[in-house]
Amino acid sequence: MNHHYDNNARCSSCDIRKIALYRGLSDEVISKLEKCRRGIKRVAKGEILFLEDSKRPLCYTVRSGIFLKTSVDSDGTERSSSICLASDFIGFQSGANEPMTHTISALTECYVCCFHRQTLYDEMVSEQPGLLVEVLNKARKDHAYCENKHHIRPSTVRVAFIIYSIHMRVQELLAHRPHDEIFSDGYIPVPLHALAKLAEIAPEHLSNEVIPELVSKGIIRFSAKKDEKFKILDPSALLEMVSKHL
C-alpha cells in the first residue's frame, strides 16, 4: 500500500468517520477528543501492535488494514474473537491502566491513529459517557461472538459464518471508502491461519477439506499466489448455508 497519512489531519474530516463509533458526535466534541491523539503509526504485516497482559499507554483507531484479535484462555488455549478493520477502535477497555486483555497482530500492512488511553478515557467520562459505554460494549460483543460461534456445526458452516460476517463488514467499509486499496482486486486478504483461529479448527482441516468444499460449490474463490486471500462469489449461498444451522 502507498498510504501517506498526514499527522496533522483533522479527525472531523476523516473518511471513516461515518462508520466509526464516534460517527454521531459533533465537530466540537470531535475536536476535544482529537487533543488526545498522538499521531499516526504504520504497522507492518505480521507485526504485533500490542500483547495480551502488557500495559500500553495508547489505544488506536484503525485507518487502514486488517488486524487479528486473539487472547489466551485460563487453560492456555489461544482464541480469536474477531478481525479489526478500518474504523474499529482497539486497545480501549475498562480500567484504562490495567493490562491488555488481548493481543492485536497485523494481517496486512496497517495504519492506526494513536490516542493516549488514560487521557481519552478521562475525556469520555466527563464529556461523552454514552460513547464510553458503547466502546466497552463493543469489546463485550466481540467476546459474545467468540462464544456463540462454538455452537455452529459442522465446521464448514462455522467457516461460512465467519467468512460471511467478514464480507458484510468489508461491504460496509467499501460503501464509504470504495477505493480501499486492500480490497481493490475483490479479494479479502485474511490468511488461512487466521481463519482457522477464528473458526477454532485445525489449519489442515480448513485447507484440505473446508476451503475446497466451498470452492467446489462456487461459493468462494481462494488464492495463494502471493498472499492467501479469498473472494466471495455467492454471498446468498453463504447466508443460506449458515441460516440452515442457526
C-alpha atoms as a PDB file:
ATOM      1  CA  MET A   1       0.000   0.000   0.000  1.00  0.00           C
ATOM      2  CA  ASN A   2       1.124   3.533  -0.624  1.00  0.00           C
ATOM      3  CA  HIS A   3      -0.723   5.450   2.082  1.00  0.00           C
ATOM      4  CA  HIS A   4       0.692   8.783   3.196  1.00  0.00           C
ATOM      5  CA  TYR A   5      -1.365   9.887   6.170  1.00  0.00           C
ATOM      6  CA  ASP A   6      -0.890  13.389   7.499  1.00  0.00           C
ATOM      7  CA  ASN A   7      -0.251  13.517  11.242  1.00  0.00           C
ATOM      8  CA  ASN A   8      -1.946  16.914  11.258  1.00  0.00           C
ATOM      9  CA  ALA A   9      -5.125  15.718   9.514  1.00  0.00           C
ATOM     10  CA  ARG A  10      -8.342  16.595  11.339  1.00  0.00           C
ATOM     11  CA  CYS A  11     -10.490  13.846  12.846  1.00  0.00           C
ATOM     12  CA  SER A  12     -13.575  15.790  11.750  1.00  0.00           C
ATOM     13  CA  SER A  13     -12.668  15.285   8.074  1.00  0.00           C
ATOM     14  CA  CYS A  14     -11.616  11.620   8.367  1.00  0.00           C
ATOM     15  CA  ASP A  15     -13.028   9.421   5.590  1.00  0.00           C
ATOM     16  CA  ILE A  16     -14.043   6.695   8.066  1.00  0.00           C
ATOM     17  CA  ARG A  17     -15.883   8.992  10.457  1.00  0.00           C
ATOM     18  CA  LYS A  18     -19.317   7.990   9.127  1.00  0.00           C
ATOM     19  CA  ILE A  19     -18.860   4.353  10.172  1.00  0.00           C
ATOM     20  CA  ALA A  20     -16.699   4.808  13.284  1.00  0.00           C
ATOM     21  CA  LEU A  21     -18.032   4.629  16.844  1.00  0.00           C
ATOM     22  CA  TYR A  22     -17.808   8.415  17.081  1.00  0.00           C
ATOM     23  CA  ARG A  23     -19.943   8.945  13.937  1.00  0.00           C
ATOM     24  CA  GLY A  24     -22.715  10.790  15.787  1.00  0.00           C
ATOM     25  CA  LEU A  25     -20.508  13.280  17.606  1.00  0.00           C
ATOM     26  CA  SER A  26     -20.396  16.961  16.729  1.00  0.00           C
ATOM     27  CA  ASP A  27     -17.290  18.628  15.318  1.00  0.00           C
ATOM     28  CA  GLU A  28     -16.885  20.408  18.659  1.00  0.00           C
ATOM     29  CA  VAL A  29     -16.737  17.151  20.602  1.00  0.00           C
ATOM     30  CA  ILE A  30     -14.516  15.531  17.979  1.00  0.00           C
ATOM     31  CA  SER A  31     -12.046  18.411  18.329  1.00  0.00           C
ATOM     32  CA  LYS A  32     -11.852  17.776  22.092  1.00  0.00           C
ATOM     33  CA  LEU A  33     -11.176  14.069  21.619  1.00  0.00           C
ATOM     34  CA  GLU A  34      -8.679  14.922  18.894  1.00  0.00           C
ATOM     35  CA  LYS A  35      -6.461  16.564  21.505  1.00  0.00           C
ATOM     36  CA  CYS A  36      -5.805  13.079  22.895  1.00  0.00           C
ATOM     37  CA  ARG A  37      -4.317  11.928  19.586  1.00  0.00           C
ATOM     38  CA  ARG A  38      -0.590  11.237  19.496  1.00  0.00           C
ATOM     39  CA  GLY A  39      -0.051  10.728  15.760  1.00  0.00           C
ATOM     40  CA  ILE A  40      -0.363   8.022  13.103  1.00  0.00           C
ATOM     41  CA  LYS A  41       1.599   4.775  13.179  1.00  0.00           C
ATOM     42  CA  ARG A  42       2.420   2.283  10.427  1.00  0.00           C
ATOM     43  CA  VAL A  43       2.213  -1.367  11.458  1.00  0.00           C
ATOM     44  CA  ALA A  44       3.971  -3.846   9.168  1.00  0.00           C
ATOM     45  CA  LYS A  45       2.302  -7.084   8.095  1.00  0.00           C
ATOM     46  CA  GLY A  46       2.937  -9.699  10.785  1.00  0.00           C
ATOM     47  CA  GLU A  47       3.838  -7.096  13.409  1.00  0.00           C
ATOM     48  CA  ILE A  48       2.190  -7.229  16.827  1.00  0.00           C
ATOM     49  CA  LEU A  49       0.654  -3.910  17.810  1.00  0.00           C
ATOM     50  CA  PHE A  50       0.382  -4.946  21.454  1.00  0.00           C
ATOM     51  CA  LEU A  51       0.424  -8.136  23.512  1.00  0.00           C
ATOM     52  CA  GLU A  52      -2.067  -9.513  25.990  1.00  0.00           C
ATOM     53  CA  ASP A  53      -1.093  -8.695  29.601  1.00  0.00           C
ATOM     54  CA  SER A  54       1.105  -5.797  28.501  1.00  0.00           C
ATOM     55  CA  LYS A  55       0.462  -2.297  29.802  1.00  0.00           C
ATOM     56  CA  ARG A  56       0.038   0.175  26.976  1.00  0.00           C
ATOM     57  CA  PRO A  57      -0.436   3.929  27.309  1.00  0.00           C
ATOM     58  CA  LEU A  58      -2.084   4.089  23.879  1.00  0.00           C
ATOM     59  CA  CYS A  59      -5.260   2.948  22.167  1.00  0.00           C
ATOM     60  CA  TYR A  60      -5.937   3.110  18.450  1.00  0.00           C
ATOM     61  CA  THR A  61      -8.403   3.752  15.656  1.00  0.00           C
ATOM     62  CA  VAL A  62      -7.669   1.632  12.582  1.00  0.00           C
ATOM     63  CA  ARG A  63      -7.220   3.831   9.499  1.00  0.00           C
ATOM     64  CA  SER A  64      -6.453   1.016   7.055  1.00  0.00           C
ATOM     65  CA  GLY A  65      -5.543  -2.656   7.044  1.00  0.00           C
ATOM     66  CA  ILE A  66      -6.701  -5.788   8.844  1.00  0.00           C
ATOM     67  CA  PHE A  67      -5.790  -6.875  12.372  1.00  0.00           C
ATOM     68  CA  LEU A  68      -6.466 -10.156  14.197  1.00  0.00           C
ATOM     69  CA  LYS A  69      -7.585 -10.041  17.821  1.00  0.00           C
ATOM     70  CA  THR A  70      -6.616 -13.020  19.998  1.00  0.00           C
ATOM     71  CA  SER A  71      -6.479 -13.938  23.677  1.00  0.00           C
ATOM     72  CA  VAL A  72      -5.386 -16.942  25.744  1.00  0.00           C
ATOM     73  CA  ASP A  73      -7.866 -18.801  27.985  1.00  0.00           C
ATOM     74  CA  SER A  74      -7.052 -19.936  31.505  1.00  0.00           C
ATOM     75  CA  ASP A  75      -6.299 -23.411  30.103  1.00  0.00           C
ATOM     76  CA  GLY A  76      -3.719 -21.962  27.709  1.00  0.00           C
ATOM     77  CA  THR A  77      -5.863 -22.172  24.573  1.00  0.00           C
ATOM     78  CA  GLU A  78      -5.445 -19.271  22.139  1.00  0.00           C
ATOM     79  CA  ARG A  79      -8.761 -17.986  20.829  1.00  0.00           C
ATOM     80  CA  SER A  80      -9.593 -15.336  18.285  1.00  0.00           C
ATOM     81  CA  SER A  81     -12.741 -13.290  18.693  1.00  0.00           C
ATOM     82  CA  SER A  82     -12.629 -11.061  15.631  1.00  0.00           C
ATOM     83  CA  ILE A  83     -10.751  -9.189  12.973  1.00  0.00           C
ATOM     84  CA  CYS A  84     -10.424  -5.417  13.089  1.00  0.00           C
ATOM     85  CA  LEU A  85     -10.907  -3.206  10.036  1.00  0.00           C
ATOM     86  CA  ALA A  86     -10.730   0.497   9.275  1.00  0.00           C
ATOM     87  CA  SER A  87     -12.888   2.496  11.743  1.00  0.00           C
ATOM     88  CA  ASP A  88     -12.510  -0.068  14.565  1.00  0.00           C
ATOM     89  CA  PHE A  89     -11.339   1.212  17.942  1.00  0.00           C
ATOM     90  CA  ILE A  90      -8.808  -1.122  19.596  1.00  0.00           C
ATOM     91  CA  GLY A  91      -6.884  -1.239  22.838  1.00  0.00           C
ATOM     92  CA  PHE A  92      -9.541   0.619  24.822  1.00  0.00           C
ATOM     93  CA  GLN A  93     -11.060  -1.184  27.798  1.00  0.00           C
ATOM     94  CA  SER A  94     -12.479  -0.653  31.255  1.00  0.00           C
ATOM     95  CA  GLY A  95      -9.665   0.042  33.652  1.00  0.00           C
ATOM     96  CA  ALA A  96      -7.560   2.307  31.492  1.00  0.00           C
ATOM     97  CA  ASN A  97      -4.363   1.408  33.344  1.00  0.00           C
ATOM     98  CA  GLU A  98      -4.987  -2.335  33.501  1.00  0.00           C
ATOM     99  CA  PRO A  99      -3.024  -4.872  31.383  1.00  0.00           C
ATOM    100  CA  MET A 100      -4.414  -5.536  27.921  1.00  0.00           C
ATOM    101  CA  THR A 101      -6.927  -8.386  27.743  1.00  0.00           C
ATOM    102  CA  HIS A 102      -5.949  -9.431  24.201  1.00  0.00           C
ATOM    103  CA  THR A 103      -3.235  -9.386  21.545  1.00  0.00           C
ATOM    104  CA  ILE A 104      -3.561  -7.436  18.286  1.00  0.00           C
ATOM    105  CA  SER A 105      -1.469  -8.531  15.279  1.00  0.00           C
ATOM    106  CA  ALA A 106      -1.447  -7.172  11.719  1.00  0.00           C
ATOM    107  CA  LEU A 107      -2.617  -9.478   8.917  1.00  0.00           C
ATOM    108  CA  THR A 108      -1.745  -6.796   6.341  1.00  0.00           C
ATOM    109  CA  GLU A 109       0.167  -3.570   6.386  1.00  0.00           C
ATOM    110  CA  CYS A 110      -1.886  -1.274   8.596  1.00  0.00           C
ATOM    111  CA  TYR A 111      -2.093   2.332   9.726  1.00  0.00           C
ATOM    112  CA  VAL A 112      -3.565   3.404  13.046  1.00  0.00           C
ATOM    113  CA  CYS A 113      -4.299   6.705  14.749  1.00  0.00           C
ATOM    114  CA  CYS A 114      -2.790   6.645  18.248  1.00  0.00           C
ATOM    115  CA  PHE A 115      -4.556   8.115  21.288  1.00  0.00           C
ATOM    116  CA  HIS A 116      -3.385   8.425  24.868  1.00  0.00           C
ATOM    117  CA  ARG A 117      -5.596   5.907  26.619  1.00  0.00           C
ATOM    118  CA  GLN A 118      -5.944   7.494  30.078  1.00  0.00           C
ATOM    119  CA  THR A 119      -6.486  10.993  28.692  1.00  0.00           C
ATOM    120  CA  LEU A 120      -9.106   9.742  26.247  1.00  0.00           C
ATOM    121  CA  TYR A 121     -10.793   7.704  28.984  1.00  0.00           C
ATOM    122  CA  ASP A 122     -10.990  10.765  31.248  1.00  0.00           C
ATOM    123  CA  GLU A 123     -12.296  12.915  28.394  1.00  0.00           C
ATOM    124  CA  MET A 124     -15.037  10.392  27.602  1.00  0.00           C
ATOM    125  CA  VAL A 125     -16.044  10.099  31.260  1.00  0.00           C
ATOM    126  CA  SER A 126     -16.520  13.861  31.528  1.00  0.00           C
ATOM    127  CA  GLU A 127     -17.772  14.683  28.027  1.00  0.00           C
ATOM    128  CA  GLN A 128     -19.189  11.562  26.368  1.00  0.00           C
ATOM    129  CA  PRO A 129     -20.126   8.817  28.879  1.00  0.00           C
ATOM    130  CA  GLY A 130     -22.524   7.339  26.310  1.00  0.00           C
ATOM    131  CA  LEU A 131     -19.689   6.829  23.848  1.00  0.00           C
ATOM    132  CA  LEU A 132     -17.580   5.249  26.590  1.00  0.00           C
ATOM    133  CA  VAL A 133     -20.340   2.708  27.262  1.00  0.00           C
ATOM    134  CA  GLU A 134     -20.649   1.968  23.533  1.00  0.00           C
ATOM    135  CA  VAL A 135     -16.910   1.346  23.187  1.00  0.00           C
ATOM    136  CA  LEU A 136     -16.864  -1.009  26.170  1.00  0.00           C
ATOM    137  CA  ASN A 137     -19.975  -2.830  24.925  1.00  0.00           C
ATOM    138  CA  LYS A 138     -18.211  -3.382  21.587  1.00  0.00           C
ATOM    139  CA  ALA A 139     -15.500  -5.319  23.415  1.00  0.00           C
ATOM    140  CA  ARG A 140     -18.141  -7.454  25.130  1.00  0.00           C
ATOM    141  CA  LYS A 141     -19.852  -8.169  21.794  1.00  0.00           C
ATOM    142  CA  ASP A 142     -16.535  -9.413  20.402  1.00  0.00           C
ATOM    143  CA  HIS A 143     -16.391 -11.869  23.297  1.00  0.00           C
ATOM    144  CA  ALA A 144     -20.012 -12.931  22.742  1.00  0.00           C
ATOM    145  CA  TYR A 145     -19.257 -13.553  19.059  1.00  0.00           C
ATOM    146  CA  CYS A 146     -16.370 -15.779  20.087  1.00  0.00           C
ATOM    147  CA  GLU A 147     -18.662 -17.762  22.393  1.00  0.00           C
ATOM    148  CA  ASN A 148     -21.630 -18.033  20.000  1.00  0.00           C
ATOM    149  CA  LYS A 149     -19.705 -19.422  17.040  1.00  0.00           C
ATOM    150  CA  HIS A 150     -18.891 -22.560  19.065  1.00  0.00           C
ATOM    151  CA  HIS A 151     -22.490 -23.679  18.702  1.00  0.00           C
ATOM    152  CA  ILE A 152     -22.377 -23.641  14.898  1.00  0.00           C
ATOM    153  CA  ARG A 153     -21.841 -27.091  13.385  1.00  0.00           C
ATOM    154  CA  PRO A 154     -20.476 -28.523  11.137  1.00  0.00           C
ATOM    155  CA  SER A 155     -17.102 -26.806  10.740  1.00  0.00           C
ATOM    156  CA  THR A 156     -17.810 -25.862   7.103  1.00  0.00           C
ATOM    157  CA  VAL A 157     -20.847 -23.882   8.219  1.00  0.00           C
ATOM    158  CA  ARG A 158     -18.850 -22.237  11.002  1.00  0.00           C
ATOM    159  CA  VAL A 159     -16.256 -21.086   8.473  1.00  0.00           C
ATOM    160  CA  ALA A 160     -19.061 -19.912   6.178  1.00  0.00           C
ATOM    161  CA  PHE A 161     -20.499 -17.880   9.064  1.00  0.00           C
ATOM    162  CA  ILE A 162     -17.129 -16.222   9.721  1.00  0.00           C
ATOM    163  CA  ILE A 163     -16.453 -15.513   6.036  1.00  0.00           C
ATOM    164  CA  TYR A 164     -19.931 -14.053   5.568  1.00  0.00           C
ATOM    165  CA  SER A 165     -19.507 -11.864   8.681  1.00  0.00           C
ATOM    166  CA  ILE A 166     -16.177 -10.548   7.354  1.00  0.00           C
ATOM    167  CA  HIS A 167     -17.739  -9.984   3.928  1.00  0.00           C
ATOM    168  CA  MET A 168     -20.517  -7.842   5.411  1.00  0.00           C
ATOM    169  CA  ARG A 169     -18.009  -5.768   7.396  1.00  0.00           C
ATOM    170  CA  VAL A 170     -15.968  -5.173   4.250  1.00  0.00           C
ATOM    171  CA  GLN A 171     -19.065  -4.192   2.268  1.00  0.00           C
ATOM    172  CA  GLU A 172     -19.966  -1.609   4.919  1.00  0.00           C
ATOM    173  CA  LEU A 173     -16.457  -0.173   4.716  1.00  0.00           C
ATOM    174  CA  LEU A 174     -16.440  -0.081   0.909  1.00  0.00           C
ATOM    175  CA  ALA A 175     -19.748   1.775   0.872  1.00  0.00           C
ATOM    176  CA  HIS A 176     -17.906   4.715   2.439  1.00  0.00           C
ATOM    177  CA  ARG A 177     -14.435   4.075   1.041  1.00  0.00           C
ATOM    178  CA  PRO A 178     -15.000   2.443  -2.371  1.00  0.00           C
ATOM    179  CA  HIS A 179     -11.379   2.670  -3.485  1.00  0.00           C
ATOM    180  CA  ASP A 180      -9.761   0.987  -0.494  1.00  0.00           C
ATOM    181  CA  GLU A 181      -6.508  -0.478  -1.841  1.00  0.00           C
ATOM    182  CA  ILE A 182      -6.635  -3.575   0.337  1.00  0.00           C
ATOM    183  CA  PHE A 183      -9.790  -4.824  -1.401  1.00  0.00           C
ATOM    184  CA  SER A 184      -9.097  -3.366  -4.866  1.00  0.00           C
ATOM    185  CA  ASP A 185      -8.915  -6.805  -6.537  1.00  0.00           C
ATOM    186  CA  GLY A 186     -12.153  -8.007  -4.929  1.00  0.00           C
ATOM    187  CA  TYR A 187     -10.327 -10.368  -2.559  1.00  0.00           C
ATOM    188  CA  ILE A 188     -10.267 -10.216   1.241  1.00  0.00           C
ATOM    189  CA  PRO A 189      -6.696 -10.820   2.455  1.00  0.00           C
ATOM    190  CA  VAL A 190      -7.377 -12.912   5.536  1.00  0.00           C
ATOM    191  CA  PRO A 191      -4.963 -15.889   5.505  1.00  0.00           C
ATOM    192  CA  LEU A 192      -5.874 -19.456   6.369  1.00  0.00           C
ATOM    193  CA  HIS A 193      -4.092 -19.451   9.725  1.00  0.00           C
ATOM    194  CA  ALA A 194      -6.291 -16.517  10.813  1.00  0.00           C
ATOM    195  CA  LEU A 195      -9.485 -18.176   9.527  1.00  0.00           C
ATOM    196  CA  ALA A 196      -8.519 -21.356  11.369  1.00  0.00           C
ATOM    197  CA  LYS A 197      -8.077 -19.404  14.604  1.00  0.00           C
ATOM    198  CA  LEU A 198     -11.390 -17.615  14.117  1.00  0.00           C
ATOM    199  CA  ALA A 199     -13.189 -20.899  13.407  1.00  0.00           C
ATOM    200  CA  GLU A 200     -11.156 -22.772  16.029  1.00  0.00           C
ATOM    201  CA  ILE A 201     -10.445 -25.690  13.744  1.00  0.00           C
ATOM    202  CA  ALA A 202      -7.201 -27.307  12.645  1.00  0.00           C
ATOM    203  CA  PRO A 203      -5.462 -25.426   9.802  1.00  0.00           C
ATOM    204  CA  GLU A 204      -5.045 -28.703   7.920  1.00  0.00           C
ATOM    205  CA  HIS A 205      -8.775 -29.423   8.097  1.00  0.00           C
ATOM    206  CA  LEU A 206      -9.502 -25.919   6.849  1.00  0.00           C
ATOM    207  CA  SER A 207      -7.088 -26.065   3.896  1.00  0.00           C
ATOM    208  CA  ASN A 208      -7.675 -29.694   2.905  1.00  0.00           C
ATOM    209  CA  GLU A 209     -11.432 -30.043   3.381  1.00  0.00           C
ATOM    210  CA  VAL A 210     -13.407 -26.886   4.233  1.00  0.00           C
ATOM    211  CA  ILE A 211     -11.966 -24.430   1.712  1.00  0.00           C
ATOM    212  CA  PRO A 212     -12.003 -26.971  -1.172  1.00  0.00           C
ATOM    213  CA  GLU A 213     -15.675 -27.724  -0.392  1.00  0.00           C
ATOM    214  CA  LEU A 214     -16.648 -24.028  -0.519  1.00  0.00           C
ATOM    215  CA  VAL A 215     -14.615 -23.554  -3.690  1.00  0.00           C
ATOM    216  CA  SER A 216     -16.152 -26.621  -5.388  1.00  0.00           C
ATOM    217  CA  LYS A 217     -19.648 -25.270  -4.681  1.00  0.00           C
ATOM    218  CA  GLY A 218     -18.763 -21.997  -6.388  1.00  0.00           C
ATOM    219  CA  ILE A 219     -19.282 -20.015  -3.191  1.00  0.00           C
ATOM    220  CA  ILE A 220     -15.773 -18.608  -2.817  1.00  0.00           C
ATOM    221  CA  ARG A 221     -12.538 -18.383  -4.762  1.00  0.00           C
ATOM    222  CA  PHE A 222      -9.269 -18.861  -2.917  1.00  0.00           C
ATOM    223  CA  SER A 223      -5.859 -17.589  -3.982  1.00  0.00           C
ATOM    224  CA  ALA A 224      -2.412 -18.212  -2.508  1.00  0.00           C
ATOM    225  CA  LYS A 225      -0.267 -16.871  -5.361  1.00  0.00           C
ATOM    226  CA  LYS A 226       1.311 -14.077  -3.311  1.00  0.00           C
ATOM    227  CA  ASP A 227      -0.764 -13.786  -0.170  1.00  0.00           C
ATOM    228  CA  GLU A 228      -3.553 -16.051   0.989  1.00  0.00           C
ATOM    229  CA  LYS A 229      -6.908 -14.399   0.360  1.00  0.00           C
ATOM    230  CA  PHE A 230     -10.463 -15.243  -0.639  1.00  0.00           C
ATOM    231  CA  LYS A 231     -13.209 -13.723  -2.781  1.00  0.00           C
ATOM    232  CA  ILE A 232     -16.914 -14.176  -2.160  1.00  0.00           C
ATOM    233  CA  LEU A 233     -18.614 -15.354  -5.349  1.00  0.00           C
ATOM    234  CA  ASP A 234     -22.071 -16.150  -3.953  1.00  0.00           C
ATOM    235  CA  PRO A 235     -22.874 -14.360  -0.657  1.00  0.00           C
ATOM    236  CA  SER A 236     -26.504 -15.512  -0.783  1.00  0.00           C
ATOM    237  CA  ALA A 237     -25.351 -19.150  -0.820  1.00  0.00           C
ATOM    238  CA  LEU A 238     -23.141 -18.462   2.202  1.00  0.00           C
ATOM    239  CA  LEU A 239     -26.059 -16.898   4.039  1.00  0.00           C
ATOM    240  CA  GLU A 240     -28.372 -19.788   3.136  1.00  0.00           C
ATOM    241  CA  MET A 241     -25.813 -22.313   4.359  1.00  0.00           C
ATOM    242  CA  VAL A 242     -25.455 -20.513   7.686  1.00  0.00           C
ATOM    243  CA  SER A 243     -29.195 -19.887   8.134  1.00  0.00           C
ATOM    244  CA  LYS A 244     -29.992 -23.610   7.996  1.00  0.00           C
ATOM    245  CA  HIS A 245     -27.825 -24.278  11.037  1.00  0.00           C
ATOM    246  CA  LEU A 246     -28.591 -21.310  13.319  1.00  0.00           C
END
